[in-house]
Protein backbone atom coordinates (compact mmCIF):
# COMPACT_ATOMS: atom_id res chain seq x y z
CA MET A 1 -41.36 -78.35 58.61
CA ASN A 2 -43.97 -75.70 59.65
CA ILE A 3 -47.17 -75.61 57.40
CA LEU A 4 -49.76 -72.91 57.95
CA VAL A 5 -53.22 -74.04 57.19
CA ILE A 6 -55.74 -71.11 56.20
CA ASP A 7 -59.32 -72.20 55.97
CA ASP A 8 -62.67 -70.92 57.54
CA SER A 9 -64.00 -74.40 57.90
CA PRO A 10 -63.34 -75.86 61.39
CA THR A 11 -63.95 -79.34 60.01
CA GLN A 12 -61.71 -78.99 57.05
CA ARG A 13 -58.89 -77.48 59.00
CA ALA A 14 -59.04 -80.29 61.60
CA VAL A 15 -59.07 -82.97 58.74
CA THR A 16 -56.18 -81.26 57.02
CA LYS A 17 -54.14 -80.69 60.39
CA ALA A 18 -54.63 -84.36 61.56
CA TYR A 19 -53.60 -85.75 58.25
CA LEU A 20 -50.55 -83.64 57.87
CA GLN A 21 -49.51 -84.01 61.33
CA GLU A 22 -49.69 -87.82 60.82
CA LYS A 23 -47.27 -87.34 57.81
CA GLY A 24 -44.74 -85.57 60.23
CA TYR A 25 -45.47 -81.98 59.61
CA ASN A 26 -45.93 -79.28 62.45
CA ILE A 27 -49.15 -77.53 61.80
CA PHE A 28 -50.49 -74.05 62.48
CA ASP A 29 -53.93 -73.02 61.35
CA ALA A 30 -55.95 -69.83 60.92
CA ASP A 31 -59.51 -69.11 59.93
CA THR A 32 -58.91 -65.52 58.72
CA HIS A 33 -56.31 -63.71 56.80
CA SER A 34 -55.50 -61.45 59.61
CA GLU A 35 -54.88 -64.30 61.81
CA ALA A 36 -52.68 -65.99 59.31
CA LEU A 37 -50.70 -62.68 58.96
CA THR A 38 -50.25 -62.68 62.76
CA ILE A 39 -48.97 -66.37 62.82
CA LEU A 40 -46.59 -65.51 59.98
CA ASN A 41 -45.00 -62.80 61.97
CA GLN A 42 -44.59 -64.88 64.97
CA GLU A 43 -43.48 -68.32 63.54
CA HIS A 44 -41.17 -69.48 60.79
CA ILE A 45 -43.46 -71.06 58.19
CA HIS A 46 -42.13 -73.12 55.46
CA LEU A 47 -45.40 -73.44 53.30
CA ILE A 48 -49.08 -72.08 53.34
CA THR A 49 -52.17 -73.95 52.26
CA LEU A 50 -54.94 -71.34 51.50
CA ASP A 51 -58.70 -72.18 50.96
CA TRP A 52 -60.23 -70.18 48.09
CA GLU A 53 -63.76 -70.07 49.39
CA MET A 54 -63.58 -67.95 52.49
CA PRO A 55 -66.47 -65.40 53.20
CA ASN A 56 -65.73 -61.53 52.88
CA GLU A 57 -61.96 -62.26 51.98
CA CYS A 58 -60.30 -62.69 48.63
CA PRO A 59 -57.45 -65.18 48.86
CA LEU A 60 -55.82 -63.94 45.59
CA ASP A 61 -55.39 -60.42 47.69
CA LEU A 62 -53.68 -62.33 50.44
CA VAL A 63 -51.37 -63.98 47.94
CA ARG A 64 -50.54 -60.71 46.22
CA LYS A 65 -49.86 -59.18 49.46
CA LEU A 66 -47.44 -61.80 50.47
CA ARG A 67 -45.62 -61.68 47.28
CA SER A 68 -45.31 -57.80 47.31
CA GLY A 69 -43.17 -57.84 50.41
CA TRP A 70 -39.58 -59.16 50.70
CA LYS A 71 -40.14 -61.20 53.77
CA TYR A 72 -42.66 -63.76 52.24
CA PHE A 73 -41.60 -63.24 48.42
CA ASP A 74 -40.78 -66.75 48.00
CA LEU A 75 -42.80 -68.57 50.56
CA PRO A 76 -44.57 -71.60 48.87
CA ILE A 77 -48.36 -71.18 48.55
CA VAL A 78 -50.63 -74.00 47.68
CA MET A 79 -54.26 -73.03 46.77
CA MET A 80 -57.16 -75.34 47.90
CA THR A 81 -60.53 -75.08 46.17
CA SER A 82 -63.64 -76.85 44.79
CA ARG A 83 -63.19 -74.92 41.50
CA ASP A 84 -61.47 -76.56 38.60
CA GLN A 85 -62.12 -74.36 35.63
CA PRO A 86 -58.73 -73.13 33.65
CA GLU A 87 -59.13 -69.64 34.21
CA ASP A 88 -59.29 -70.35 38.17
CA VAL A 89 -56.00 -72.03 37.79
CA ILE A 90 -54.46 -69.39 35.75
CA ASN A 91 -55.55 -66.66 38.15
CA ALA A 92 -54.30 -68.41 41.07
CA MET A 93 -50.85 -68.99 39.43
CA ASN A 94 -50.79 -65.16 38.16
CA ALA A 95 -51.41 -64.02 41.65
CA GLY A 96 -48.38 -66.00 42.90
CA CYS A 97 -49.51 -69.49 43.89
CA ASP A 98 -47.05 -72.25 43.38
CA ASP A 99 -49.59 -74.91 43.10
CA PHE A 100 -53.46 -75.50 42.73
CA VAL A 101 -55.26 -78.46 44.25
CA THR A 102 -59.06 -79.15 43.89
CA LYS A 103 -61.01 -80.52 47.05
CA ASP A 104 -62.12 -83.31 44.87
CA ASP A 105 -58.49 -84.46 44.51
CA GLY A 106 -58.53 -85.26 48.32
CA ILE A 107 -56.21 -84.69 51.10
CA GLU A 108 -53.84 -87.20 49.79
CA MET A 109 -53.03 -85.32 46.66
CA LEU A 110 -52.50 -82.03 48.82
CA GLU A 111 -49.95 -83.82 50.77
CA ILE A 112 -48.32 -85.16 47.65
CA ARG A 113 -47.99 -81.65 46.18
CA ILE A 114 -46.55 -80.29 49.43
CA ARG A 115 -43.94 -82.97 49.58
CA ARG A 116 -43.06 -82.27 45.97
CA ILE A 117 -42.58 -78.57 46.52
CA LEU A 118 -40.71 -78.80 49.96
CA SER A 119 -38.62 -81.69 48.42
CA PHE A 120 -37.72 -79.55 45.42
CA LEU A 121 -36.67 -76.45 47.61
CA LYS A 122 -34.44 -78.80 49.85
CA ARG A 123 -32.83 -80.27 46.92
CA LEU A 124 -32.22 -76.74 45.45
CA ASP A 125 -30.74 -75.51 48.85
CA VAL A 126 -28.31 -78.39 49.09
CA GLU A 127 -27.26 -77.88 45.41
CA ASN A 128 -26.80 -74.20 46.00
CA SER A 129 -24.63 -74.99 49.03
CA GLN A 130 -22.53 -77.25 47.24
CA ARG A 131 -21.77 -74.79 44.27
CA HIS A 132 -19.57 -71.76 44.47
CA GLN A 133 -20.69 -68.52 45.80
CA ARG A 134 -22.98 -66.76 43.46
CA GLN A 135 -21.20 -63.84 41.90
CA ILE A 136 -23.17 -60.64 41.62
CA LEU A 137 -22.03 -57.48 39.58
CA LEU A 138 -23.08 -54.31 41.28
CA ILE A 139 -23.17 -51.23 38.79
CA ASP A 140 -23.83 -47.80 40.14
CA ASP A 141 -21.93 -44.42 40.07
CA SER A 142 -22.48 -43.67 43.76
CA LYS A 143 -19.61 -45.10 45.66
CA THR A 144 -21.75 -44.88 48.84
CA PHE A 145 -24.32 -47.11 47.64
CA LEU A 146 -21.78 -49.63 46.15
CA ALA A 147 -19.97 -49.92 49.46
CA THR A 148 -23.26 -50.17 51.51
CA THR A 149 -24.77 -52.83 48.99
CA GLN A 150 -21.56 -54.69 48.70
CA TYR A 151 -21.14 -55.17 52.30
CA PHE A 152 -24.82 -56.18 52.90
CA LEU A 153 -24.73 -58.84 50.18
CA GLU A 154 -21.45 -60.19 51.32
CA GLU A 155 -22.83 -60.69 54.57
CA LYS A 156 -25.51 -62.90 52.89
CA GLN A 157 -22.84 -65.13 51.27
CA PHE A 158 -22.72 -63.65 47.96
CA ALA A 159 -19.53 -62.61 46.00
CA VAL A 160 -19.91 -59.05 44.88
CA LEU A 161 -18.05 -57.29 42.08
CA THR A 162 -18.41 -53.60 41.66
CA ALA A 163 -18.36 -51.21 38.71
CA ASP A 164 -18.93 -47.40 38.64
CA SER A 165 -20.14 -47.20 35.10
CA GLY A 166 -21.91 -49.03 32.59
CA LYS A 167 -18.79 -49.23 30.34
CA ASN A 168 -16.84 -50.64 33.22
CA GLY A 169 -19.55 -53.07 33.91
CA LEU A 170 -19.33 -54.49 30.29
CA GLU A 171 -15.47 -54.85 30.79
CA MET A 172 -16.22 -56.84 34.04
CA LEU A 173 -18.54 -59.07 32.14
CA GLU A 174 -15.82 -60.04 29.85
CA LYS A 175 -13.24 -60.99 32.61
CA GLU A 176 -15.58 -62.64 35.14
CA ALA A 177 -18.17 -65.37 35.32
CA ILE A 178 -21.33 -63.43 36.56
CA ASP A 179 -24.49 -65.03 37.79
CA LEU A 180 -26.48 -61.95 38.20
CA ILE A 181 -26.31 -58.21 37.40
CA VAL A 182 -27.78 -55.11 39.62
CA VAL A 183 -27.62 -51.91 37.73
CA ASP A 184 -28.62 -48.40 38.49
CA TRP A 185 -30.60 -46.61 35.85
CA MET A 186 -29.23 -43.07 36.26
CA MET A 187 -25.61 -43.16 35.45
CA PRO A 188 -23.47 -40.70 33.21
CA GLU A 189 -22.26 -41.67 29.71
CA MET A 190 -24.12 -45.04 29.55
CA ASN A 191 -27.35 -45.34 31.83
CA GLY A 192 -28.95 -48.54 32.95
CA LEU A 193 -31.22 -49.03 30.00
CA GLU A 194 -28.37 -48.73 27.49
CA PHE A 195 -26.26 -51.12 29.61
CA ILE A 196 -29.12 -53.72 29.50
CA ARG A 197 -29.43 -53.22 25.83
CA HIS A 198 -25.64 -53.98 25.24
CA VAL A 199 -25.90 -57.06 27.39
CA ARG A 200 -29.16 -58.53 25.63
CA GLU A 201 -27.39 -57.98 22.28
CA ASN A 202 -24.50 -60.25 23.26
CA ASN A 203 -24.89 -63.94 22.72
CA VAL A 204 -22.27 -64.83 25.53
CA TYR A 205 -24.08 -63.27 28.57
CA ARG A 206 -27.31 -62.35 27.40
CA GLU A 207 -29.30 -64.88 29.46
CA ILE A 208 -27.72 -63.34 32.93
CA PRO A 209 -30.53 -62.15 35.17
CA ILE A 210 -30.69 -58.14 35.56
CA ILE A 211 -32.28 -56.22 38.32
CA MET A 212 -32.84 -52.52 37.45
CA LEU A 213 -32.21 -50.12 40.64
CA SER A 214 -33.86 -46.65 40.32
CA GLY A 215 -35.21 -43.85 42.26
CA LYS A 216 -38.15 -43.71 39.79
CA ASP A 217 -41.13 -46.16 40.64
CA ALA A 218 -43.70 -44.79 38.08
CA LEU A 219 -45.49 -47.57 36.06
CA GLU A 220 -43.94 -46.42 32.81
CA ASP A 221 -40.53 -46.48 34.15
CA VAL A 222 -41.01 -50.19 35.22
CA VAL A 223 -42.42 -50.94 31.83
CA ALA A 224 -39.49 -49.41 30.05
CA ALA A 225 -36.94 -51.46 32.07
CA ILE A 226 -38.75 -54.74 31.47
CA GLU A 227 -38.87 -53.84 27.69
CA TYR A 228 -35.34 -53.27 27.47
CA GLY A 229 -34.72 -56.60 29.14
CA ALA A 230 -34.68 -56.07 32.97
CA ASP A 231 -35.82 -59.28 34.80
CA ASP A 232 -36.87 -57.08 37.88
CA PHE A 233 -37.13 -53.56 39.02
CA ILE A 234 -36.36 -52.20 42.50
CA ASN A 235 -36.66 -48.58 43.80
CA LYS A 236 -33.44 -47.81 45.48
CA ASP A 237 -35.23 -46.40 48.70
CA MET A 238 -36.43 -50.08 49.23
CA ASP A 239 -35.04 -52.25 52.00
CA LEU A 240 -32.02 -54.18 50.93
CA LYS A 241 -33.69 -57.37 52.26
CA LEU A 242 -36.03 -57.12 49.31
CA LEU A 243 -33.11 -56.95 46.92
CA GLU A 244 -31.72 -59.94 48.53
CA LYS A 245 -35.01 -61.89 48.20
CA LYS A 246 -35.28 -60.74 44.58
CA ILE A 247 -31.79 -61.90 43.91
CA GLY A 248 -32.43 -65.29 45.51
CA VAL A 249 -35.70 -65.71 43.44
CA LEU A 250 -33.93 -64.84 40.14
CA ILE A 251 -30.96 -67.17 40.77
CA ARG A 252 -33.47 -70.01 41.86
CA ILE A 253 -35.29 -69.38 38.52
CA GLN A 254 -32.00 -69.38 36.59
CA GLU A 255 -31.12 -72.68 38.34
CA GLN A 256 -34.40 -74.20 37.31
CA TYR A 257 -33.97 -72.98 33.58
CA ARG A 258 -30.51 -74.39 33.63
CA ARG A 259 -31.85 -77.64 34.98
CA TYR A 260 -34.66 -77.80 32.54
CA THR A 261 -32.32 -77.05 29.90
CA ARG A 262 -29.99 -79.94 30.84
CA GLN A 263 -32.94 -82.25 30.87
CA VAL A 264 -34.25 -80.93 27.55
CA ILE A 265 -30.70 -81.76 26.10
CA ASP A 266 -30.62 -85.32 28.00
CA ASP A 267 -34.15 -85.84 26.59
CA LYS A 268 -33.16 -84.89 22.98
CA LYS A 269 -30.31 -87.39 23.03
CA LYS A 270 -32.48 -90.00 24.27
CA ILE A 271 -35.03 -89.19 21.66
CA GLU A 272 -32.31 -89.12 19.01
CA GLY A 273 -31.17 -92.62 20.10
CA ILE A 274 -34.86 -93.66 19.89
CA VAL A 275 -35.15 -92.34 16.29
CA VAL A 276 -32.03 -94.03 15.33
CA GLN A 277 -33.34 -97.23 16.75
CA ARG A 278 -36.66 -96.86 15.33
CA THR A 279 -35.12 -95.98 11.75
CA HIS A 280 -33.26 -99.18 11.83
CA GLU A 281 -36.28 -101.06 12.72
CA LEU A 282 -38.23 -99.34 10.00
CA LYS A 283 -35.75 -100.31 7.53
CA GLN A 284 -35.75 -103.76 8.59
CA THR A 285 -39.61 -103.77 8.42
CA GLN A 286 -39.55 -101.97 5.15
CA SER A 287 -37.22 -104.95 3.78
CA GLN A 288 -39.58 -107.40 5.33
CA LEU A 289 -42.53 -105.80 3.70
CA VAL A 290 -40.96 -105.74 0.25
CA GLN A 291 -40.01 -109.40 0.54
CA ALA A 292 -43.75 -110.00 1.64
CA GLU A 293 -45.13 -107.90 -1.20
CA LYS A 294 -42.90 -110.23 -3.57
CA MET A 295 -44.14 -113.41 -2.02
CA SER A 296 -47.77 -112.22 -2.33
CA SER A 297 -47.38 -111.13 -6.00
CA LEU A 298 -45.56 -114.38 -6.43
CA GLY A 299 -48.53 -116.41 -5.59
CA GLN A 300 -50.66 -114.33 -8.04
CA MET A 301 -48.36 -114.81 -10.89
CA VAL A 302 -47.83 -118.66 -10.50
CA ALA A 303 -50.91 -119.26 -12.48
CA GLY A 304 -49.71 -117.05 -15.28
CA ILE A 305 -46.23 -118.41 -15.21
CA ALA A 306 -47.52 -121.96 -15.30
CA HIS A 307 -49.42 -121.16 -18.50
CA GLU A 308 -46.41 -119.62 -20.02
CA ILE A 309 -44.10 -122.72 -19.24
CA ASN A 310 -47.00 -125.06 -20.40
CA ASN A 311 -47.06 -123.80 -23.82
CA PRO A 312 -43.57 -124.45 -24.64
CA LEU A 313 -43.57 -127.68 -22.76
CA SER A 314 -46.62 -128.85 -24.74
CA PHE A 315 -44.43 -127.86 -27.95
CA VAL A 316 -41.75 -130.11 -26.75
CA HIS A 317 -43.94 -132.85 -25.61
CA ASN A 318 -45.87 -133.00 -28.90
CA ASN A 319 -42.63 -132.65 -30.87
CA LEU A 320 -41.07 -135.47 -28.95
CA TYR A 321 -43.92 -137.77 -30.24
CA ILE A 322 -43.31 -136.75 -33.78
CA VAL A 323 -39.49 -137.22 -33.37
CA LYS A 324 -40.26 -140.54 -31.97
CA THR A 325 -42.45 -141.73 -35.05
CA ASP A 326 -39.99 -140.23 -37.52
CA LEU A 327 -37.10 -141.70 -35.85
CA GLU A 328 -38.67 -145.29 -35.89
CA ASP A 329 -39.27 -144.81 -39.75
CA ILE A 330 -35.73 -143.83 -40.45
CA ILE A 331 -34.44 -146.55 -38.20
CA GLU A 332 -36.50 -149.14 -40.15
CA LEU A 333 -35.24 -147.67 -43.51
CA ILE A 334 -31.74 -147.99 -42.26
CA GLU A 335 -32.25 -151.53 -41.06
CA LYS A 336 -33.35 -152.51 -44.68
CA TYR A 337 -30.28 -150.95 -46.13
CA GLN A 338 -28.09 -152.85 -43.78
CA GLU A 339 -29.94 -156.27 -44.15
CA GLY A 340 -29.69 -156.03 -48.05
CA GLN A 341 -32.61 -158.45 -48.08
CA GLU A 342 -34.92 -156.03 -49.82
CA SER A 343 -34.74 -155.17 -53.45
CA LEU A 344 -33.77 -151.59 -54.24
CA GLU A 345 -37.15 -151.05 -55.53
CA ASP A 346 -38.79 -151.99 -52.34
CA ILE A 347 -36.51 -149.64 -50.30
CA LYS A 348 -37.18 -146.71 -52.69
CA ALA A 349 -40.95 -147.59 -52.25
CA PHE A 350 -40.64 -147.47 -48.55
CA GLU A 351 -38.74 -144.13 -48.93
CA GLU A 352 -41.50 -142.65 -50.78
CA GLU A 353 -44.08 -144.18 -48.26
CA ILE A 354 -42.33 -142.52 -45.22
CA GLU A 355 -41.67 -139.28 -47.36
CA ILE A 356 -38.00 -139.35 -46.20
CA GLU A 357 -37.12 -135.77 -47.42
CA GLU A 358 -40.16 -134.40 -45.69
CA THR A 359 -39.51 -136.40 -42.48
CA ILE A 360 -36.05 -135.06 -42.31
CA ASP A 361 -37.22 -131.54 -42.68
CA GLU A 362 -39.74 -132.21 -40.09
CA LEU A 363 -37.13 -133.36 -37.87
CA LYS A 364 -35.19 -130.17 -38.23
CA ASP A 365 -38.31 -128.09 -37.59
CA VAL A 366 -39.27 -130.10 -34.57
CA ILE A 367 -35.70 -129.64 -33.03
CA GLU A 368 -35.71 -126.01 -33.64
CA THR A 369 -38.96 -125.45 -32.19
CA SER A 370 -38.19 -127.69 -29.16
CA SER A 371 -35.06 -125.81 -28.69
CA SER A 372 -37.02 -122.54 -28.83
CA GLY A 373 -39.57 -123.86 -26.26
CA ILE A 374 -36.83 -125.04 -23.95
CA GLN A 375 -34.95 -121.62 -24.27
CA ARG A 376 -38.29 -119.91 -23.27
CA ILE A 377 -38.69 -122.12 -20.21
CA ARG A 378 -35.11 -121.23 -19.26
CA ASP A 379 -35.69 -117.47 -19.64
CA ILE A 380 -38.85 -117.53 -17.70
CA VAL A 381 -37.17 -119.44 -14.87
CA LEU A 382 -34.21 -117.16 -14.80
CA SER A 383 -36.52 -114.12 -14.93
CA LEU A 384 -38.47 -115.45 -12.06
CA ARG A 385 -35.25 -116.38 -10.02
CA ASN A 386 -33.97 -112.84 -10.55
CA PHE A 387 -37.16 -110.99 -9.59
CA ALA A 388 -37.98 -113.21 -6.32
CA ARG A 389 -34.45 -113.29 -4.89
CA LEU A 390 -34.37 -113.06 -1.19
CA ASP A 391 -32.87 -109.96 0.67
CA GLU A 392 -29.08 -109.93 0.70
CA GLY A 393 -27.06 -108.10 3.11
CA GLU A 394 -24.48 -106.55 0.73
CA ARG A 395 -25.25 -104.22 -1.86
CA LYS A 396 -24.59 -105.09 -5.69
CA ILE A 397 -24.83 -103.74 -9.02
CA VAL A 398 -28.22 -104.21 -10.49
CA ASP A 399 -29.07 -103.53 -14.05
CA LEU A 400 -32.38 -101.56 -14.42
CA TYR A 401 -32.97 -102.74 -18.00
CA GLU A 402 -32.24 -106.21 -17.11
CA GLY A 403 -34.90 -105.86 -14.39
CA VAL A 404 -37.30 -104.43 -16.87
CA ASP A 405 -36.94 -107.38 -19.27
CA ASN A 406 -37.21 -109.86 -16.43
CA SER A 407 -40.57 -108.16 -15.38
CA LEU A 408 -42.02 -108.15 -18.92
CA MET A 409 -40.96 -111.92 -19.36
CA ILE A 410 -43.23 -112.82 -16.19
CA LEU A 411 -46.07 -110.68 -16.90
CA ASN A 412 -46.23 -111.53 -20.75
CA HIS A 413 -49.30 -113.36 -20.13
CA LYS A 414 -51.03 -110.25 -18.75
CA ILE A 415 -50.41 -108.09 -21.77
CA LYS A 416 -53.48 -107.81 -23.63
CA LYS A 417 -53.91 -108.02 -27.35
CA GLY A 418 -53.32 -104.75 -29.19
CA VAL A 419 -51.03 -103.45 -26.51
CA THR A 420 -47.65 -102.32 -27.84
CA ILE A 421 -44.69 -101.99 -25.58
CA GLU A 422 -41.67 -99.92 -26.73
CA LYS A 423 -38.30 -100.50 -25.04
CA ASN A 424 -35.17 -98.57 -25.51
CA THR A 425 -32.56 -100.54 -23.45
CA SER A 426 -29.53 -100.01 -25.69
CA ARG A 427 -27.66 -98.15 -22.92
CA SER A 428 -27.03 -99.96 -19.76
CA GLN A 429 -28.54 -98.39 -16.48
CA LYS A 430 -26.86 -99.89 -13.38
CA TYR A 431 -27.41 -99.02 -9.79
CA PHE A 432 -25.62 -99.91 -6.64
CA VAL A 433 -28.49 -101.26 -4.39
CA LYS A 434 -29.55 -104.14 -2.13
CA PRO A 435 -30.96 -106.83 -4.81
CA ALA A 436 -34.08 -107.03 -2.76
CA ASN A 437 -34.82 -103.25 -3.29
CA SER A 438 -34.32 -103.30 -6.95
CA ILE A 439 -38.10 -103.78 -7.42
CA LYS A 440 -38.41 -100.07 -6.39
CA PHE A 441 -36.80 -99.01 -9.52
CA LEU A 442 -39.39 -100.89 -11.70
């Protein structure tokens, strides 16, 4: 690969030349723009490195000059500079540079950028050679121009279809796969601008690159063509080699666009896959957080629940002592009846002593209150179990009102005096959810 190094500093040229030669490149060097143009006319150069800081010469003017002619229209140019402001980069790119390297980045970064550009161009050339011939649609009402241009482009390995009017050109678009359109401005019935407008309004082939040909070259004519949707503008009097270069550049841009589009689609699919995976992970995390929240709340509720359970348990414990005492008295009374050793008066006296009727009533009350306490304990345990159930894989029918009752049962100790809770749970409200997620409804 032949590289032209343009720099007014002999030291910088020598360092750059030596380093790039070591990397296998063939190096030409120049210290002025005029010397660089001489080398370009004599040698086949594949890439230029250009120093920004050259006395009495503006590098951007040289870049614009190279881009204005057909011969060096697509020659890669890398700007070397000590400047690093965003506006400098923008100015260099607008002038036509392909890349921008600051001298602080070092000679190694320059070589990396050169290798990247040349590798891309080589890969693009291979891809182009492996694909079908690029099919160009040439539209002009001049048969002589059509024949001359068709012959020239076919010699350059393009497949060329021709149409002698804008209307015929639109019909050709419907029948053939066209890669690029070259259309004349001045044609009867439908001129070039009207043709471009029809193409850009059609979703099927609106992205096809279009070059406008015209005998006009005033600035307002160029602006009008671009505003209608032309991608480039060429005066018909220009050398056909310039047309060839512009076709090559537009096709290259189109290939880059297609490649980037495919990359975007591939990236979108990858992102969608990542989103699906992340969504699944978030759902799992959410489920774990819900369970963790339950377990955290569970610890805070234990003291209150213990208090709630302790009250009915104390009831039962105290009642059992009363039951035991009353039963001992009744058993003793029964034994006296069975032994028959005592007189009836003594037995009646003992009945009065133990207050047998009150004892029996007391036993009934104790049994009733104990049963109520035990039922209270049972309700608390069931409510706690339903509230703190672990996550289950399958969805189930969950009754919302049952969940409300369970929660109120557990939180009963936190309800302050004077607070009234009104419930209307006459109508069942059931949902099909995972049991662990039923807490979200409460």
